[in-house]
Amino acid sequence: MKVSIDRTRCVGAGQCVRVAPAVFDQDEKDGLVVLINARPGDLGASGVGKAALLCPAQAIRVEPDA
């Protein structure tokens, strides 16, 4: 899977960091999402999917590998 984020949409709710801390972090300056692992593999799949569903701004995109 490939994960991407749209920081312009992010509102800093932090749900992504709570459910997938190995994939997402928050910038200390503005609180917006920071992608730390764009290809988490199977280990991060459930957390990343949940993060995308929980994101109030729909700033997370998850695509399957080709």
C-alpha atoms as a PDB file:
ATOM      1  CA  MET A   1       0.000   0.000   0.000  1.00  0.00           C
ATOM      2  CA  LYS A   2       1.008   3.592  -0.564  1.00  0.00           C
ATOM      3  CA  VAL A   3      -0.059   6.339   1.826  1.00  0.00           C
ATOM      4  CA  SER A   4      -0.183  10.022   0.956  1.00  0.00           C
ATOM      5  CA  ILE A   5      -1.389  13.076   2.826  1.00  0.00           C
ATOM      6  CA  ASP A   6      -2.705  16.497   1.921  1.00  0.00           C
ATOM      7  CA  ARG A   7      -1.390  18.902   4.556  1.00  0.00           C
ATOM      8  CA  THR A   8      -3.517  21.704   3.122  1.00  0.00           C
ATOM      9  CA  ARG A   9      -6.641  19.794   4.196  1.00  0.00           C
ATOM     10  CA  CYS A  10      -5.324  18.697   7.603  1.00  0.00           C
ATOM     11  CA  VAL A  11      -6.934  20.305  10.663  1.00  0.00           C
ATOM     12  CA  GLY A  12      -4.559  18.764  13.219  1.00  0.00           C
ATOM     13  CA  ALA A  13      -7.099  16.507  14.941  1.00  0.00           C
ATOM     14  CA  GLY A  14      -4.383  13.887  15.525  1.00  0.00           C
ATOM     15  CA  GLN A  15      -6.538  10.792  15.068  1.00  0.00           C
ATOM     16  CA  CYS A  16      -4.056   9.405  12.556  1.00  0.00           C
ATOM     17  CA  VAL A  17      -1.194   9.606  15.032  1.00  0.00           C
ATOM     18  CA  ARG A  18      -3.234   7.831  17.686  1.00  0.00           C
ATOM     19  CA  VAL A  19      -4.121   4.829  15.506  1.00  0.00           C
ATOM     20  CA  ALA A  20      -0.992   4.588  13.331  1.00  0.00           C
ATOM     21  CA  PRO A  21       1.980   6.191  15.131  1.00  0.00           C
ATOM     22  CA  ALA A  22       4.493   4.297  12.987  1.00  0.00           C
ATOM     23  CA  VAL A  23       3.083   5.992   9.882  1.00  0.00           C
ATOM     24  CA  PHE A  24       1.997   9.471  11.015  1.00  0.00           C
ATOM     25  CA  ASP A  25       3.273  12.193  13.311  1.00  0.00           C
ATOM     26  CA  GLN A  26       2.283  15.784  14.006  1.00  0.00           C
ATOM     27  CA  ASP A  27       4.436  18.816  13.316  1.00  0.00           C
ATOM     28  CA  GLU A  28       5.375  20.503  16.600  1.00  0.00           C
ATOM     29  CA  LYS A  29       4.982  23.975  15.081  1.00  0.00           C
ATOM     30  CA  ASP A  30       1.539  23.799  13.484  1.00  0.00           C
ATOM     31  CA  GLY A  31       0.126  20.448  14.658  1.00  0.00           C
ATOM     32  CA  LEU A  32      -0.481  19.246  11.111  1.00  0.00           C
ATOM     33  CA  VAL A  33       0.130  15.706   9.954  1.00  0.00           C
ATOM     34  CA  VAL A  34       3.584  14.525   8.922  1.00  0.00           C
ATOM     35  CA  LEU A  35       3.930  11.317   6.939  1.00  0.00           C
ATOM     36  CA  ILE A  36       6.835   9.274   8.294  1.00  0.00           C
ATOM     37  CA  ASN A  37       6.248   6.008   6.413  1.00  0.00           C
ATOM     38  CA  ALA A  38       4.568   6.142   2.990  1.00  0.00           C
ATOM     39  CA  ARG A  39       4.842   2.359   2.501  1.00  0.00           C
ATOM     40  CA  PRO A  40       3.985   0.712   5.826  1.00  0.00           C
ATOM     41  CA  GLY A  41       3.274  -2.714   4.336  1.00  0.00           C
ATOM     42  CA  ASP A  42       0.888  -5.227   5.827  1.00  0.00           C
ATOM     43  CA  LEU A  43       1.847  -4.392   9.408  1.00  0.00           C
ATOM     44  CA  GLY A  44       0.398  -0.892   9.155  1.00  0.00           C
ATOM     45  CA  ALA A  45      -2.609  -1.713   6.995  1.00  0.00           C
ATOM     46  CA  SER A  46      -5.320  -1.765   9.637  1.00  0.00           C
ATOM     47  CA  GLY A  47      -4.082   1.343  11.423  1.00  0.00           C
ATOM     48  CA  VAL A  48      -3.684   3.327   8.220  1.00  0.00           C
ATOM     49  CA  GLY A  49      -7.146   2.360   6.985  1.00  0.00           C
ATOM     50  CA  LYS A  50      -8.654   3.352  10.307  1.00  0.00           C
ATOM     51  CA  ALA A  51      -6.720   6.636  10.279  1.00  0.00           C
ATOM     52  CA  ALA A  52      -8.088   7.475   6.834  1.00  0.00           C
ATOM     53  CA  LEU A  53     -11.638   6.758   8.018  1.00  0.00           C
ATOM     54  CA  LEU A  54     -11.228   8.790  11.216  1.00  0.00           C
ATOM     55  CA  CYS A  55      -9.633  11.827   9.561  1.00  0.00           C
ATOM     56  CA  PRO A  56     -12.233  14.614   9.801  1.00  0.00           C
ATOM     57  CA  ALA A  57     -10.604  16.505   6.908  1.00  0.00           C
ATOM     58  CA  GLN A  58     -10.149  13.467   4.664  1.00  0.00           C
ATOM     59  CA  ALA A  59      -6.476  14.402   4.301  1.00  0.00           C
ATOM     60  CA  ILE A  60      -5.224  10.802   4.080  1.00  0.00           C
ATOM     61  CA  ARG A  61      -5.210   8.752   0.921  1.00  0.00           C
ATOM     62  CA  VAL A  62      -4.449   5.026   0.834  1.00  0.00           C
ATOM     63  CA  GLU A  63      -3.765   3.246  -2.439  1.00  0.00           C
ATOM     64  CA  PRO A  64      -3.056  -0.431  -2.960  1.00  0.00           C
ATOM     65  CA  ASP A  65       0.244  -1.447  -4.517  1.00  0.00           C
ATOM     66  CA  ALA A  66       0.078  -2.027  -8.250  1.00  0.00           C
END
